[in-house]
Amino acid sequence: MRSLEGTVVLVTGGSAGIGRVTARRLVRGGARVAICGRDQERLDAALAEMPEAWGMRCDVTDPADRALLVRAVVEHFGRIDALVNNAGQGRVAKLADLDGDQVTSLVDVNFTAVAELTRLVLPLFGARGGHVVMMSSIGAWAPVPPLSLYSATKAGVLGLALGLRREVPRGVKVHAVCPGPIRTEWLTRDLDGRPTERSARRRLSAGSDPEHVARAVEKCLISRRSRTVAVPRWWEIARLGSFAPVSRLLDVAVAPVSTAVVRLTRRYGKRLGSPSRDGRTAQ
């Protein structure tokens, strides 16, 4: 197995959730890790957990912030060897129930920022090569309500990863990591706003341990070939959703209950973020 020792890795959205767990794992593996996040309090808490890492506040949807982030990482570490495009946003609703700003925000975070950061970092790899990890989702293979638009952005990310493999230099590896439901604050962030550092641990939705995703990212960064992986691996079954017979079956089975699915998902998310669980309202 190759080592991450000394590898300079930029992890977006590294102040919470999957990004934070991933950054911690990479630091333990000897990588030189840079993280970013929008929430200064959460970013400071993450950096306190891993003093070996470096970080800065950044809104990845802002072109100026993106350029400043890449420039600052290069100034601090001298180079970038790998980019983990982890920052993302959820949106729990049918498309017709979203307003234009919500649609734009989701696309900006989940796709545009990913494409733009990758565009900025790729020329920095040079002859030594490098790695780009795209955080997609099993929803890219089998989209269902209330995550139709979210799944579409993740399908775009997956398609971008596959396309880039066919245009980047041989030394550059482009990976796609596709998690299923993961135990993070993702759902309550959409429905109740960003949790505080203190409340976040009590607002986690059901799912697998985010350490599984962190492990998959680490394996990508030491791989000699580009990889597309589901997390946990048994979620590979979701790939069947891309095939016509299964896709048609999902059309028939899901459409009649889509409204009920949306309602139940939102109710569950609201309960996670309620003051009765938190001891306080969301910030």
Protein backbone atom coordinates (compact mmCIF):
# COMPACT_ATOMS: atom_id res chain seq x y z
CA MET A 1 0.00 0.00 0.00
CA ARG A 2 1.20 3.48 -0.77
CA SER A 3 1.54 5.99 2.05
CA LEU A 4 -0.10 9.36 2.51
CA GLU A 5 2.93 10.63 4.41
CA GLY A 6 3.61 14.24 3.36
CA THR A 7 0.76 14.38 0.82
CA VAL A 8 -0.89 17.82 0.74
CA VAL A 9 -4.67 17.31 0.71
CA LEU A 10 -7.34 20.01 0.54
CA VAL A 11 -10.67 18.86 2.01
CA THR A 12 -13.62 21.19 1.43
CA GLY A 13 -16.38 21.18 4.01
CA GLY A 14 -13.86 19.89 6.53
CA SER A 15 -15.39 21.59 9.56
CA ALA A 16 -18.21 19.08 10.09
CA GLY A 17 -19.66 15.71 9.14
CA ILE A 18 -17.93 13.49 6.60
CA GLY A 19 -15.34 16.15 5.78
CA ARG A 20 -14.22 16.50 9.39
CA VAL A 21 -13.97 12.75 9.96
CA THR A 22 -12.08 12.38 6.68
CA ALA A 23 -9.64 15.16 7.54
CA ARG A 24 -8.91 13.54 10.93
CA ARG A 25 -8.22 10.20 9.28
CA LEU A 26 -5.91 11.73 6.69
CA VAL A 27 -3.98 13.60 9.38
CA ARG A 28 -3.52 10.33 11.28
CA GLY A 29 -2.22 8.80 8.07
CA GLY A 30 0.52 11.42 7.80
CA ALA A 31 -1.06 13.73 5.23
CA ARG A 32 -0.63 17.48 5.42
CA VAL A 33 -4.28 18.53 5.48
CA ALA A 34 -5.98 21.82 4.66
CA ILE A 35 -9.68 22.21 5.44
CA CYS A 36 -12.25 24.91 4.85
CA GLY A 37 -15.80 25.65 5.98
CA ARG A 38 -18.31 28.48 6.11
CA ASP A 39 -18.91 28.40 9.88
CA GLN A 40 -15.96 29.87 11.79
CA GLU A 41 -17.01 28.31 15.11
CA ARG A 42 -17.17 24.81 13.63
CA LEU A 43 -13.93 25.38 11.72
CA ASP A 44 -12.11 26.46 14.88
CA ALA A 45 -13.43 23.41 16.75
CA ALA A 46 -12.29 21.08 13.97
CA LEU A 47 -8.81 22.59 13.91
CA ALA A 48 -8.60 22.28 17.71
CA GLU A 49 -9.18 18.53 17.27
CA MET A 50 -6.38 18.23 14.73
CA PRO A 51 -3.73 20.88 15.38
CA GLU A 52 -1.55 19.39 12.64
CA ALA A 53 -4.08 20.60 10.05
CA TRP A 54 -4.46 24.09 8.62
CA GLY A 55 -7.70 25.77 7.67
CA MET A 56 -9.50 28.91 6.62
CA ARG A 57 -13.06 30.10 6.34
CA CYS A 58 -14.34 29.82 2.77
CA ASP A 59 -17.68 29.89 0.98
CA VAL A 60 -17.00 27.55 -1.94
CA THR A 61 -19.83 29.14 -3.94
CA ASP A 62 -17.97 32.47 -4.01
CA PRO A 63 -15.47 32.71 -6.91
CA ALA A 64 -13.20 35.07 -4.97
CA ASP A 65 -13.21 32.78 -1.93
CA ARG A 66 -12.37 29.76 -4.09
CA ALA A 67 -9.42 31.49 -5.71
CA LEU A 68 -8.18 32.77 -2.35
CA LEU A 69 -8.47 29.29 -0.81
CA VAL A 70 -6.39 27.60 -3.50
CA ARG A 71 -3.80 30.38 -3.43
CA ALA A 72 -3.59 30.25 0.39
CA VAL A 73 -3.11 26.47 0.48
CA VAL A 74 -0.27 26.70 -2.05
CA GLU A 75 1.34 29.54 -0.11
CA HIS A 76 1.11 27.57 3.15
CA PHE A 77 2.15 24.10 1.93
CA GLY A 78 3.97 24.88 -1.32
CA ARG A 79 1.69 22.71 -3.46
CA ILE A 80 -1.54 20.71 -3.60
CA ASP A 81 -1.35 16.96 -4.22
CA ALA A 82 -5.01 16.06 -3.79
CA LEU A 83 -8.42 17.73 -3.69
CA VAL A 84 -11.35 16.17 -1.84
CA ASN A 85 -14.52 17.87 -3.06
CA ASN A 86 -16.59 17.10 0.02
CA ALA A 87 -18.57 20.32 0.65
CA GLY A 88 -22.22 19.74 -0.17
CA GLN A 89 -25.76 20.67 0.68
CA GLY A 90 -29.03 18.75 0.98
CA ARG A 91 -32.49 19.86 -0.05
CA VAL A 92 -35.46 17.84 1.17
CA ALA A 93 -38.42 18.73 -1.06
CA LYS A 94 -40.03 18.13 -4.40
CA LEU A 95 -38.61 20.33 -7.14
CA ALA A 96 -41.92 22.17 -7.63
CA ASP A 97 -41.91 23.16 -3.94
CA LEU A 98 -38.50 24.84 -4.09
CA ASP A 99 -37.96 28.49 -4.94
CA GLY A 100 -35.41 29.72 -7.44
CA ASP A 101 -32.85 30.71 -4.81
CA GLN A 102 -32.95 27.25 -3.25
CA VAL A 103 -32.38 25.61 -6.62
CA THR A 104 -29.49 27.93 -7.43
CA SER A 105 -27.90 27.45 -4.01
CA LEU A 106 -28.00 23.66 -4.25
CA VAL A 107 -26.51 23.59 -7.75
CA ASP A 108 -23.86 26.15 -6.81
CA VAL A 109 -22.64 24.17 -3.78
CA ASN A 110 -22.98 20.63 -5.09
CA PHE A 111 -21.87 21.04 -8.68
CA THR A 112 -20.57 24.44 -9.75
CA ALA A 113 -18.17 24.79 -6.81
CA VAL A 114 -16.90 21.25 -7.40
CA ALA A 115 -16.23 21.91 -11.07
CA GLU A 116 -14.62 25.29 -10.43
CA LEU A 117 -12.33 24.15 -7.61
CA THR A 118 -11.25 21.17 -9.69
CA ARG A 119 -10.55 23.50 -12.61
CA LEU A 120 -8.33 25.65 -10.39
CA VAL A 121 -6.43 22.74 -8.83
CA LEU A 122 -5.79 20.49 -11.85
CA PRO A 123 -3.09 22.75 -13.42
CA LEU A 124 -1.21 22.75 -10.09
CA PHE A 125 -0.52 19.00 -10.16
CA GLY A 126 2.06 19.26 -12.90
CA ALA A 127 4.17 16.28 -13.93
CA ARG A 128 3.96 14.62 -10.51
CA GLY A 129 0.22 14.00 -10.95
CA GLY A 130 -2.40 14.10 -8.22
CA HIS A 131 -5.81 12.97 -7.04
CA VAL A 132 -9.28 14.49 -7.19
CA VAL A 133 -12.03 12.89 -5.11
CA MET A 134 -15.63 13.76 -5.98
CA MET A 135 -18.22 13.14 -3.25
CA SER A 136 -21.23 11.85 -5.15
CA SER A 137 -24.08 9.70 -3.78
CA ILE A 138 -25.96 6.48 -4.42
CA GLY A 139 -28.75 8.89 -5.40
CA ALA A 140 -26.81 9.49 -8.61
CA TRP A 141 -27.70 5.91 -9.59
CA ALA A 142 -31.19 5.65 -8.08
CA PRO A 143 -32.78 9.07 -7.43
CA VAL A 144 -35.98 9.12 -5.36
CA PRO A 145 -38.02 11.87 -3.70
CA PRO A 146 -37.52 13.99 -1.70
CA LEU A 147 -33.98 14.20 -3.09
CA SER A 148 -34.58 14.51 -6.84
CA LEU A 149 -32.66 17.75 -7.34
CA TYR A 150 -29.95 16.73 -4.87
CA SER A 151 -29.54 13.44 -6.71
CA ALA A 152 -29.33 15.28 -10.02
CA THR A 153 -26.42 17.39 -8.74
CA LYS A 154 -24.67 14.26 -7.51
CA ALA A 155 -25.25 12.57 -10.88
CA GLY A 156 -23.57 15.60 -12.42
CA VAL A 157 -20.60 15.20 -10.09
CA LEU A 158 -20.35 11.51 -10.98
CA GLY A 159 -20.53 12.30 -14.68
CA LEU A 160 -17.85 14.96 -14.28
CA ALA A 161 -15.56 12.46 -12.57
CA LEU A 162 -16.02 9.90 -15.34
CA GLY A 163 -15.47 12.50 -18.04
CA LEU A 164 -12.34 13.94 -16.43
CA ARG A 165 -10.72 10.51 -16.37
CA ARG A 166 -10.71 10.67 -20.15
CA GLU A 167 -9.12 14.12 -20.45
CA VAL A 168 -6.62 14.55 -17.61
CA PRO A 169 -2.94 13.54 -17.84
CA ARG A 170 -2.12 9.94 -17.03
CA GLY A 171 -0.70 10.77 -13.61
CA VAL A 172 -3.94 12.36 -12.40
CA LYS A 173 -6.51 10.05 -10.80
CA VAL A 174 -10.16 11.10 -10.50
CA HIS A 175 -12.31 9.22 -8.01
CA ALA A 176 -16.03 9.18 -7.21
CA VAL A 177 -17.18 8.16 -3.72
CA CYS A 178 -20.91 7.43 -3.51
CA PRO A 179 -22.20 7.15 0.07
CA GLY A 180 -25.58 5.81 1.07
CA PRO A 181 -27.29 7.25 4.19
CA ILE A 182 -24.56 8.38 6.61
CA ARG A 183 -24.93 9.35 10.26
CA THR A 184 -24.38 13.12 9.99
CA GLU A 185 -26.30 16.36 10.62
CA TRP A 186 -27.00 16.64 6.86
CA LEU A 187 -30.80 16.32 7.14
CA THR A 188 -31.31 18.74 10.00
CA ARG A 189 -29.02 21.30 8.36
CA ASP A 190 -31.52 21.65 5.55
CA LEU A 191 -34.65 21.67 7.68
CA ASP A 192 -33.48 23.60 10.76
CA GLY A 193 -30.35 25.50 9.81
CA ARG A 194 -26.74 24.96 10.79
CA PRO A 195 -26.33 23.30 14.20
CA THR A 196 -23.86 24.66 16.71
CA GLU A 197 -20.79 22.69 17.69
CA ARG A 198 -22.48 21.71 20.97
CA SER A 199 -25.78 20.60 19.46
CA ALA A 200 -24.50 18.84 16.32
CA ARG A 201 -23.85 15.46 17.95
CA ARG A 202 -27.50 15.22 19.02
CA ARG A 203 -28.85 15.98 15.55
CA LEU A 204 -27.48 13.09 13.54
CA SER A 205 -29.74 11.23 11.15
CA ALA A 206 -29.76 7.45 10.83
CA GLY A 207 -27.08 5.89 8.66
CA SER A 208 -23.66 4.32 8.52
CA ASP A 209 -20.64 5.62 10.40
CA PRO A 210 -18.94 8.45 8.44
CA GLU A 211 -15.65 6.70 9.18
CA HIS A 212 -16.58 4.29 6.36
CA VAL A 213 -16.56 7.21 3.92
CA ALA A 214 -13.29 8.55 5.32
CA ARG A 215 -11.71 5.13 4.82
CA ALA A 216 -12.94 5.03 1.21
CA VAL A 217 -11.44 8.47 0.53
CA GLU A 218 -8.12 7.38 2.04
CA LYS A 219 -8.07 4.30 -0.19
CA CYS A 220 -8.71 6.49 -3.23
CA LEU A 221 -5.80 8.75 -2.36
CA ILE A 222 -3.34 5.84 -2.22
CA SER A 223 -4.75 4.06 -5.27
CA ARG A 224 -2.80 3.74 -8.51
CA ARG A 225 -6.01 3.92 -10.57
CA SER A 226 -9.17 5.97 -10.62
CA ARG A 227 -11.99 4.44 -8.56
CA THR A 228 -15.78 4.68 -8.24
CA VAL A 229 -16.99 3.18 -4.97
CA ALA A 230 -20.21 2.96 -2.98
CA VAL A 231 -20.06 3.37 0.80
CA PRO A 232 -20.68 0.99 2.49
CA ARG A 233 -19.80 -1.36 -0.35
CA TRP A 234 -23.10 -3.23 -0.25
CA TRP A 235 -24.76 -0.04 -1.55
CA GLU A 236 -23.26 -1.04 -4.92
CA ILE A 237 -26.73 -2.55 -5.46
CA ALA A 238 -27.95 1.02 -6.12
CA ARG A 239 -26.13 0.86 -9.47
CA LEU A 240 -29.03 -1.31 -10.66
CA GLY A 241 -31.20 1.81 -10.51
CA SER A 242 -29.43 3.06 -13.63
CA PHE A 243 -30.65 0.09 -15.71
CA ALA A 244 -33.92 0.43 -17.62
CA PRO A 245 -35.94 -2.44 -16.07
CA VAL A 246 -35.17 -1.36 -12.48
CA SER A 247 -35.61 2.31 -13.34
CA ARG A 248 -39.06 1.66 -14.79
CA LEU A 249 -40.01 -0.36 -11.72
CA LEU A 250 -38.99 2.55 -9.49
CA ASP A 251 -41.10 4.92 -11.61
CA VAL A 252 -44.17 2.78 -11.07
CA ALA A 253 -43.57 2.02 -7.39
CA VAL A 254 -42.37 5.38 -6.06
CA ALA A 255 -44.50 7.94 -7.91
CA PRO A 256 -47.80 7.15 -6.09
CA VAL A 257 -46.18 7.49 -2.64
CA SER A 258 -43.78 10.37 -3.35
CA THR A 259 -45.77 12.96 -1.38
CA ALA A 260 -45.97 10.69 1.66
CA VAL A 261 -42.22 9.97 1.46
CA VAL A 262 -41.44 13.69 1.44
CA ARG A 263 -43.75 14.33 4.38
CA LEU A 264 -42.30 11.52 6.48
CA THR A 265 -38.71 12.56 5.73
CA ARG A 266 -39.34 16.16 6.72
CA ARG A 267 -41.14 15.08 9.88
CA TYR A 268 -38.22 12.88 10.87
CA GLY A 269 -35.72 15.67 10.20
CA LYS A 270 -37.72 18.19 12.19
CA ARG A 271 -37.86 15.80 15.13
CA LEU A 272 -34.07 15.45 15.06
CA GLY A 273 -33.67 19.21 15.25
CA SER A 274 -36.42 19.89 17.78
CA PRO A 275 -35.62 21.73 21.05
CA SER A 276 -36.81 18.66 22.97
CA ARG A 277 -33.84 16.70 21.60
CA ASP A 278 -31.38 19.57 21.51
CA GLY A 279 -32.23 21.49 24.62
CA ARG A 280 -32.17 24.56 22.37
CA THR A 281 -33.37 25.67 18.96
CA ALA A 282 -31.20 25.55 15.87
CA GLN A 283 -28.83 28.44 15.17
